[in-house]
Amino acid sequence: MRRIKMIGLCVVAACALAAIGGASTASATAKFGVCVAAKKAVYADSNCKEPAMKKGVPAPTKGKFEFEGAGECYPTKHGNYADNVCSKLAEKKGAPAPGKGKFEKAPLPTAEVTGAEAKLKSAAGTIKCASSKGTQTITSPTSLDSITTFKTCEGAGNKCTSAGKAEGEITTYELDGVLVEPKPGTASINITGDGSDGFGSAEEGKLLAEFSCVVVGVRVSAGPLGGALSPVNVMGTTETTTFEELVEQGLKAEFGAPPAFGGAPISSEQIGSVTATNPVPFEVHAP
């Protein structure tokens, strides 16, 4: 069997097979987090989308809601923490007293990620997986970790399988994601991998996943990989990542046998969408 090496299987606030390489840059504005009630706040609505106004002019202290980035400590009534860095739980008579503190920490939730069919297309053919399931953990206001398993995967009629997995299952390495804002009011995730192919190639330490199909070896590479997130600026428990054909595609596939694939890279692209379900209400904020 020849191994298929793919730098392009990803899980994000949702995740899918392969990924999109976009030219987006990290945003100082877009964040993961929560919209909470607050005094003298910036926003007028509970989604932290509409700024507070006075006589038609933004009034940053006249709102009733504030956006707080994931993992950040903020002042509030009935919080769980006693200090402004959320390092000490509130206590009463020497015992923990939830809700008696003056500060709270915005959650860093771990979501379940599920997807239907996902495809990796190129002029050489299509690799298709019937479904996917994984996890995604928000690690800061602008970053996440993720991992997923794709099921019933095949290319040219041959099953594609990661080492040690059931036939037709492809599991990614742990992936890192950075939140970006392609334009105001939109958000995407740029994904990087940390897997090693063992051949000392230029992709060493950058693989997102690797697997074997019976007939041919394929290696897919790109820069940071991305997928568009929706909804944006809406509190809720689900978030969808969409990978569209002919949109922000930056994948390159090499065909042959490792370690010297030899063939000239050809363009590849991802098609599909996945949904992340968080245990608590959450938001992708891109004002």
Protein backbone atom coordinates (compact mmCIF):
# COMPACT_ATOMS: atom_id res chain seq x y z
CA MET A 1 0.00 0.00 0.00
CA ARG A 2 1.17 3.53 -0.71
CA ARG A 3 0.54 6.22 1.83
CA ILE A 4 -1.56 9.26 1.13
CA LYS A 5 -0.10 12.26 2.97
CA MET A 6 -2.49 15.14 3.33
CA ILE A 7 -1.76 18.55 4.76
CA GLY A 8 -5.37 19.57 4.68
CA LEU A 9 -7.80 17.61 6.89
CA CYS A 10 -9.16 20.05 9.44
CA VAL A 11 -11.53 20.59 12.35
CA VAL A 12 -12.54 24.08 13.40
CA ALA A 13 -15.35 25.93 15.31
CA ALA A 14 -16.28 23.47 12.82
CA CYS A 15 -14.19 21.23 10.57
CA ALA A 16 -14.05 19.36 7.28
CA LEU A 17 -11.89 17.29 4.96
CA ALA A 18 -8.94 19.21 3.56
CA ALA A 19 -9.29 22.97 4.05
CA ILE A 20 -9.16 26.35 2.46
CA GLY A 21 -6.02 28.44 2.28
CA GLY A 22 -7.03 32.07 2.46
CA ALA A 23 -5.09 35.31 2.37
CA SER A 24 -6.85 36.53 5.53
CA THR A 25 -4.77 38.05 8.30
CA ALA A 26 -5.27 37.82 12.03
CA SER A 27 -7.70 40.44 13.27
CA ALA A 28 -7.34 42.61 16.34
CA THR A 29 -11.15 42.88 16.40
CA ALA A 30 -12.67 39.42 15.81
CA LYS A 31 -12.91 37.32 18.97
CA PHE A 32 -14.49 34.23 20.47
CA GLY A 33 -16.43 35.01 23.63
CA VAL A 34 -19.74 35.93 25.23
CA CYS A 35 -22.08 38.92 25.34
CA VAL A 36 -23.02 39.69 28.95
CA ALA A 37 -25.19 42.23 30.75
CA ALA A 38 -23.16 45.17 32.06
CA LYS A 39 -23.50 48.77 33.20
CA LYS A 40 -22.06 51.66 31.17
CA ALA A 41 -21.42 49.25 28.32
CA VAL A 42 -20.78 49.55 24.59
CA TYR A 43 -23.67 47.57 23.12
CA ALA A 44 -27.44 48.02 23.13
CA ASP A 45 -28.42 44.40 22.36
CA SER A 46 -27.77 40.97 23.92
CA ASN A 47 -25.78 39.83 20.86
CA CYS A 48 -23.33 42.74 21.22
CA LYS A 49 -23.96 43.68 17.61
CA GLU A 50 -25.64 47.09 17.80
CA PRO A 51 -23.66 49.89 19.51
CA ALA A 52 -25.47 52.04 22.04
CA MET A 53 -26.51 55.38 20.51
CA LYS A 54 -27.48 58.81 21.81
CA LYS A 55 -29.00 61.33 19.42
CA GLY A 56 -27.79 59.28 16.48
CA VAL A 57 -24.18 59.15 17.67
CA PRO A 58 -22.39 56.10 19.20
CA ALA A 59 -22.38 56.37 22.98
CA PRO A 60 -19.92 53.76 24.31
CA THR A 61 -21.01 54.07 27.95
CA LYS A 62 -24.77 54.08 27.40
CA GLY A 63 -25.23 50.41 26.51
CA LYS A 64 -26.44 47.51 28.63
CA PHE A 65 -24.25 44.72 27.21
CA GLU A 66 -20.53 44.13 26.81
CA PHE A 67 -18.55 41.56 24.84
CA GLU A 68 -15.98 39.57 26.83
CA GLY A 69 -13.31 37.47 25.13
CA ALA A 70 -13.01 33.73 25.85
CA GLY A 71 -11.03 33.09 29.03
CA GLU A 72 -10.92 36.77 29.99
CA CYS A 73 -11.80 37.94 33.52
CA TYR A 74 -14.42 40.68 33.83
CA PRO A 75 -16.32 42.45 36.65
CA THR A 76 -19.91 41.40 37.28
CA LYS A 77 -22.45 40.85 40.02
CA HIS A 78 -22.83 37.31 41.32
CA GLY A 79 -19.52 36.13 39.87
CA ASN A 80 -17.55 33.08 40.98
CA TYR A 81 -14.20 34.81 41.56
CA ALA A 82 -12.93 37.20 44.21
CA ASP A 83 -10.08 38.84 42.26
CA ASN A 84 -9.76 40.68 38.95
CA VAL A 85 -7.62 37.98 37.32
CA CYS A 86 -10.05 35.19 38.27
CA SER A 87 -7.40 33.22 40.14
CA LYS A 88 -9.21 32.98 43.47
CA LEU A 89 -12.71 31.60 43.96
CA ALA A 90 -15.14 33.60 46.06
CA GLU A 91 -15.52 32.27 49.60
CA LYS A 92 -17.84 32.69 52.55
CA LYS A 93 -16.73 31.58 55.98
CA GLY A 94 -13.82 29.72 54.44
CA ALA A 95 -15.93 27.71 52.00
CA PRO A 96 -16.42 28.22 48.23
CA ALA A 97 -19.35 30.54 47.56
CA PRO A 98 -20.39 30.46 43.90
CA GLY A 99 -22.17 33.63 42.87
CA LYS A 100 -20.75 35.67 45.74
CA GLY A 101 -17.76 37.04 43.86
CA LYS A 102 -17.32 40.28 41.93
CA PHE A 103 -15.61 38.80 38.87
CA GLU A 104 -16.27 36.08 36.31
CA LYS A 105 -14.27 34.37 33.56
CA ALA A 106 -15.69 33.99 30.07
CA PRO A 107 -15.84 30.24 29.24
CA LEU A 108 -13.37 28.27 27.11
CA PRO A 109 -15.84 25.65 25.85
CA THR A 110 -15.15 22.34 24.15
CA ALA A 111 -17.60 21.71 21.31
CA GLU A 112 -18.66 18.53 19.53
CA VAL A 113 -18.09 18.88 15.79
CA THR A 114 -20.11 16.91 13.23
CA GLY A 115 -20.27 17.00 9.47
CA ALA A 116 -21.89 15.25 6.54
CA GLU A 117 -20.10 14.51 3.26
CA ALA A 118 -16.72 16.18 2.68
CA LYS A 119 -14.65 16.11 -0.52
CA LEU A 120 -11.12 16.94 -1.59
CA LYS A 121 -11.14 17.63 -5.33
CA SER A 122 -8.33 17.99 -7.86
CA ALA A 123 -7.69 17.27 -11.53
CA ALA A 124 -6.44 13.84 -10.45
CA GLY A 125 -9.74 12.86 -8.84
CA THR A 126 -11.76 13.17 -5.64
CA ILE A 127 -11.30 11.81 -2.13
CA LYS A 128 -14.65 11.57 -0.38
CA CYS A 129 -15.68 10.93 3.24
CA ALA A 130 -19.30 10.27 4.20
CA SER A 131 -19.23 11.99 7.60
CA SER A 132 -17.02 13.38 10.36
CA LYS A 133 -17.03 13.77 14.12
CA GLY A 134 -14.57 15.51 16.42
CA THR A 135 -13.95 18.07 19.14
CA GLN A 136 -12.93 21.72 19.19
CA THR A 137 -11.69 23.63 22.26
CA ILE A 138 -11.49 27.42 22.38
CA THR A 139 -8.14 28.27 24.01
CA SER A 140 -8.18 32.11 23.91
CA PRO A 141 -10.21 34.94 22.35
CA THR A 142 -8.51 34.25 19.01
CA SER A 143 -7.40 30.60 19.04
CA LEU A 144 -8.60 27.01 19.25
CA ASP A 145 -7.39 23.39 19.18
CA SER A 146 -9.24 20.68 17.29
CA ILE A 147 -9.14 17.06 16.20
CA THR A 148 -11.57 14.98 14.13
CA THR A 149 -12.21 11.59 12.59
CA PHE A 150 -13.64 11.26 9.08
CA LYS A 151 -15.56 8.07 8.29
CA THR A 152 -16.22 5.98 5.20
CA CYS A 153 -13.41 7.64 3.24
CA GLU A 154 -12.34 6.49 -0.22
CA GLY A 155 -10.65 7.60 -3.41
CA ALA A 156 -10.92 5.88 -6.83
CA GLY A 157 -12.92 3.09 -5.18
CA ASN A 158 -10.21 2.37 -2.56
CA LYS A 159 -10.66 2.85 1.18
CA CYS A 160 -8.50 5.55 2.78
CA THR A 161 -7.37 4.88 6.36
CA SER A 162 -5.12 6.42 9.02
CA ALA A 163 -2.65 4.08 10.72
CA GLY A 164 -4.28 2.17 13.56
CA LYS A 165 -7.83 3.19 12.63
CA ALA A 166 -10.76 1.19 11.31
CA GLU A 167 -10.91 0.80 7.54
CA GLY A 168 -12.11 4.00 5.89
CA GLU A 169 -11.41 6.21 8.93
CA ILE A 170 -9.04 9.20 8.75
CA THR A 171 -8.09 10.97 11.98
CA THR A 172 -6.28 14.32 12.05
CA TYR A 173 -3.42 15.29 14.27
CA GLU A 174 -4.22 17.95 16.86
CA LEU A 175 -4.71 21.14 14.89
CA ASP A 176 -4.27 24.78 15.88
CA GLY A 177 -6.63 27.50 14.67
CA VAL A 178 -6.40 31.30 14.65
CA LEU A 179 -9.47 33.51 14.23
CA VAL A 180 -9.22 35.96 11.32
CA GLU A 181 -11.48 38.64 9.88
CA PRO A 182 -11.36 38.73 6.04
CA LYS A 183 -13.51 41.86 6.09
CA PRO A 184 -15.56 43.70 8.74
CA GLY A 185 -18.48 41.66 10.01
CA THR A 186 -17.10 38.29 8.80
CA ALA A 187 -14.88 35.67 10.41
CA SER A 188 -12.84 32.63 9.38
CA ILE A 189 -10.41 30.21 11.00
CA ASN A 190 -6.86 29.69 9.74
CA ILE A 191 -5.70 26.16 10.59
CA THR A 192 -2.17 24.77 10.99
CA GLY A 193 -1.03 21.23 11.77
CA ASP A 194 1.82 19.75 13.78
CA GLY A 195 2.14 16.23 12.36
CA SER A 196 5.45 14.83 11.09
CA ASP A 197 5.70 12.74 7.91
CA GLY A 198 9.00 11.14 8.90
CA PHE A 199 10.73 11.85 5.58
CA GLY A 200 12.38 15.16 6.44
CA SER A 201 10.41 16.97 3.75
CA ALA A 202 9.51 20.67 3.73
CA GLU A 203 6.19 19.64 5.33
CA GLU A 204 7.89 18.00 8.33
CA GLY A 205 6.04 19.06 11.47
CA LYS A 206 3.24 20.71 9.49
CA LEU A 207 0.97 17.82 8.51
CA LEU A 208 -2.68 18.03 9.41
CA ALA A 209 -3.30 14.34 8.75
CA GLU A 210 -1.84 11.33 6.96
CA PHE A 211 -3.46 8.16 5.71
CA SER A 212 -3.20 5.33 3.18
CA CYS A 213 -5.21 4.49 0.10
CA VAL A 214 -4.38 1.32 -1.82
CA VAL A 215 -3.43 2.65 -5.24
CA VAL A 216 -1.69 5.99 -5.10
CA GLY A 217 0.04 8.31 -2.64
CA VAL A 218 -1.09 11.95 -2.40
CA ARG A 219 0.38 14.82 -0.41
CA VAL A 220 -1.63 18.03 -0.11
CA SER A 221 -0.03 21.23 1.14
CA ALA A 222 -0.94 24.89 1.63
CA GLY A 223 -0.31 27.89 3.85
CA PRO A 224 -2.65 28.57 6.78
CA LEU A 225 -5.99 26.93 6.01
CA GLY A 226 -9.36 28.56 6.55
CA GLY A 227 -13.11 28.16 6.58
CA ALA A 228 -15.86 30.78 6.87
CA LEU A 229 -17.78 30.87 10.18
CA SER A 230 -21.49 31.59 10.64
CA PRO A 231 -23.41 33.03 12.33
CA VAL A 232 -21.29 36.02 13.37
CA ASN A 233 -22.31 38.43 16.14
CA VAL A 234 -25.04 36.10 17.40
CA MET A 235 -25.06 34.35 20.78
CA GLY A 236 -25.93 30.66 20.44
CA THR A 237 -24.74 27.09 20.95
CA THR A 238 -23.96 26.16 17.32
CA GLU A 239 -21.48 27.48 14.75
CA THR A 240 -21.04 26.29 11.17
CA THR A 241 -17.85 26.30 9.12
CA THR A 242 -18.33 26.26 5.35
CA PHE A 243 -15.77 25.29 2.71
CA GLU A 244 -16.95 26.44 -0.71
CA GLU A 245 -15.78 25.41 -4.14
CA LEU A 246 -13.76 28.14 -5.86
CA VAL A 247 -13.68 30.27 -2.71
CA GLU A 248 -10.35 30.93 -0.95
CA GLN A 249 -8.90 27.68 -2.25
CA GLY A 250 -5.15 27.39 -1.69
CA LEU A 251 -4.41 23.67 -1.56
CA LYS A 252 -1.75 21.97 -3.69
CA ALA A 253 -1.63 18.20 -4.25
CA GLU A 254 1.38 16.08 -5.22
CA PHE A 255 0.82 12.56 -6.51
CA GLY A 256 3.24 9.63 -6.30
CA ALA A 257 4.97 7.58 -3.61
CA PRO A 258 6.68 9.04 -0.53
CA PRO A 259 9.25 10.30 0.21
CA ALA A 260 9.93 11.65 -3.32
CA PHE A 261 6.52 12.45 -4.74
CA GLY A 262 8.11 14.01 -7.78
CA GLY A 263 5.07 15.25 -9.65
CA ALA A 264 4.36 18.96 -10.04
CA PRO A 265 1.82 20.19 -7.47
CA ILE A 266 -1.68 20.73 -8.82
CA SER A 267 -4.50 22.78 -7.34
CA SER A 268 -6.97 21.08 -5.02
CA GLU A 269 -10.04 22.34 -3.22
CA GLN A 270 -12.39 21.49 -0.40
CA ILE A 271 -16.17 21.21 -0.47
CA GLY A 272 -18.39 20.72 2.58
CA SER A 273 -19.54 22.17 5.88
CA VAL A 274 -19.53 21.12 9.54
CA THR A 275 -21.23 22.30 12.73
CA ALA A 276 -19.78 22.76 16.21
CA THR A 277 -22.17 22.44 19.16
CA ASN A 278 -21.03 24.15 22.37
CA PRO A 279 -22.30 23.23 25.86
CA VAL A 280 -22.91 26.94 26.67
CA PRO A 281 -24.06 29.96 24.61
CA PHE A 282 -21.13 31.46 22.78
CA GLU A 283 -20.35 33.94 20.00
CA VAL A 284 -17.96 34.69 17.17
CA HIS A 285 -17.70 38.47 17.46
CA ALA A 286 -16.66 40.51 14.42
CA PRO A 287 -18.02 44.04 14.69
